[in-house]
Every structure is written in C-alpha cells, then in structure tokens.
Amino acid sequence: MHTHAQSVVALITGILILIVPRLLNYIVALYLVIIGILGIVS
C-alpha cells in the first residue's frame, strides 16, 4: 500500500542520502538486520 506519507519519507531519505552518502550504508544495514530478525522470529 503506497501512501502519501511513504512518498514523503522516500523523498526525504533520498535527499539525506544525496547529502550524506555514508547514510545509505547504515540504512541498508539496518534494513537487513530488521529483515533477518523478523525472519528468525516468525
């Protein structure tokens, strides 16, 4: 479900990554950790 809020978050995240490219590494790492934890728990 794609909402207006998701679009705004995606836009802000994209801008932050452009300003601080290193931020992308943290976001990807955090995403993978969360997916991993959810996969193990469920």
N, C-alpha and C. Protein backbone atom coordinates (compact mmCIF):
# COMPACT_ATOMS: atom_id res chain seq x y z
N MET A 1 0.85 -1.20 0.00
CA MET A 1 0.00 0.00 0.00
C MET A 1 0.87 1.24 0.00
N HIS A 2 0.85 1.97 -1.10
CA HIS A 2 1.69 3.15 -1.22
C HIS A 2 0.90 4.39 -0.85
N THR A 3 1.31 5.03 0.25
CA THR A 3 0.59 6.20 0.73
C THR A 3 1.39 7.47 0.50
N HIS A 4 0.77 8.60 0.74
CA HIS A 4 1.42 9.90 0.62
C HIS A 4 2.59 9.99 1.59
N ALA A 5 2.40 9.45 2.79
CA ALA A 5 3.45 9.50 3.81
C ALA A 5 4.68 8.74 3.35
N GLN A 6 4.49 7.59 2.71
CA GLN A 6 5.62 6.80 2.22
C GLN A 6 6.40 7.58 1.17
N SER A 7 5.69 8.31 0.31
CA SER A 7 6.34 9.11 -0.71
C SER A 7 7.19 10.20 -0.09
N VAL A 8 6.66 10.85 0.95
CA VAL A 8 7.39 11.91 1.64
C VAL A 8 8.63 11.34 2.32
N VAL A 9 8.48 10.19 2.99
CA VAL A 9 9.61 9.56 3.66
C VAL A 9 10.67 9.17 2.64
N ALA A 10 10.25 8.61 1.50
CA ALA A 10 11.18 8.20 0.46
C ALA A 10 11.94 9.41 -0.08
N LEU A 11 11.24 10.52 -0.29
CA LEU A 11 11.85 11.74 -0.79
C LEU A 11 12.89 12.28 0.19
N ILE A 12 12.52 12.37 1.46
CA ILE A 12 13.43 12.87 2.49
C ILE A 12 14.65 11.96 2.60
N THR A 13 14.42 10.65 2.59
CA THR A 13 15.52 9.70 2.67
C THR A 13 16.47 9.86 1.50
N GLY A 14 15.91 10.00 0.30
CA GLY A 14 16.72 10.19 -0.90
C GLY A 14 17.59 11.43 -0.81
N ILE A 15 17.01 12.53 -0.32
CA ILE A 15 17.75 13.78 -0.17
C ILE A 15 18.87 13.62 0.85
N LEU A 16 18.59 12.95 1.97
CA LEU A 16 19.60 12.73 3.00
C LEU A 16 20.75 11.89 2.46
N ILE A 17 20.43 10.88 1.64
CA ILE A 17 21.48 10.03 1.06
C ILE A 17 22.35 10.84 0.10
N LEU A 18 21.72 11.76 -0.64
CA LEU A 18 22.50 12.60 -1.54
C LEU A 18 23.44 13.51 -0.76
N ILE A 19 22.97 14.00 0.40
CA ILE A 19 23.78 14.88 1.23
C ILE A 19 24.85 14.08 1.97
N VAL A 20 24.44 12.93 2.52
CA VAL A 20 25.36 12.09 3.30
C VAL A 20 25.34 10.67 2.73
N PRO A 21 26.14 10.40 1.68
CA PRO A 21 26.14 9.09 1.03
C PRO A 21 26.41 7.94 2.00
N ARG A 22 27.22 8.19 3.04
CA ARG A 22 27.54 7.17 4.02
C ARG A 22 26.28 6.68 4.73
N LEU A 23 25.24 7.55 4.80
CA LEU A 23 23.98 7.21 5.45
C LEU A 23 23.34 5.98 4.79
N LEU A 24 23.55 5.84 3.48
CA LEU A 24 22.97 4.72 2.75
C LEU A 24 23.43 3.38 3.33
N ASN A 25 24.70 3.30 3.71
CA ASN A 25 25.23 2.07 4.28
C ASN A 25 24.49 1.70 5.56
N TYR A 26 24.24 2.69 6.42
CA TYR A 26 23.54 2.44 7.67
C TYR A 26 22.10 2.01 7.42
N ILE A 27 21.45 2.66 6.45
CA ILE A 27 20.05 2.34 6.15
C ILE A 27 19.93 0.91 5.63
N VAL A 28 20.83 0.54 4.71
CA VAL A 28 20.80 -0.81 4.15
C VAL A 28 21.10 -1.85 5.23
N ALA A 29 22.10 -1.57 6.07
CA ALA A 29 22.47 -2.49 7.15
C ALA A 29 21.30 -2.67 8.12
N LEU A 30 20.67 -1.56 8.49
CA LEU A 30 19.55 -1.61 9.42
C LEU A 30 18.39 -2.41 8.82
N TYR A 31 18.13 -2.19 7.54
CA TYR A 31 17.06 -2.91 6.84
C TYR A 31 17.33 -4.41 6.86
N LEU A 32 18.57 -4.80 6.55
CA LEU A 32 18.92 -6.22 6.52
C LEU A 32 18.81 -6.85 7.90
N VAL A 33 19.23 -6.13 8.93
CA VAL A 33 19.15 -6.63 10.30
C VAL A 33 17.68 -6.85 10.69
N ILE A 34 16.82 -5.87 10.37
CA ILE A 34 15.40 -5.98 10.71
C ILE A 34 14.76 -7.16 9.97
N ILE A 35 15.05 -7.30 8.67
CA ILE A 35 14.51 -8.40 7.88
C ILE A 35 14.99 -9.73 8.47
N GLY A 36 16.27 -9.79 8.85
CA GLY A 36 16.84 -11.01 9.44
C GLY A 36 16.15 -11.38 10.73
N ILE A 37 15.95 -10.38 11.60
CA ILE A 37 15.30 -10.63 12.89
C ILE A 37 13.86 -11.10 12.68
N LEU A 38 13.14 -10.43 11.79
CA LEU A 38 11.76 -10.81 11.53
C LEU A 38 11.70 -12.22 10.96
N GLY A 39 12.68 -12.58 10.13
CA GLY A 39 12.72 -13.91 9.53
C GLY A 39 12.95 -14.98 10.58
N ILE A 40 13.81 -14.69 11.56
CA ILE A 40 14.12 -15.65 12.60
C ILE A 40 12.95 -15.80 13.58
N VAL A 41 12.35 -14.67 13.96
CA VAL A 41 11.26 -14.68 14.94
C VAL A 41 10.00 -15.35 14.38
N SER A 42 9.66 -15.06 13.13
CA SER A 42 8.41 -15.59 12.58
C SER A 42 8.55 -17.01 12.03
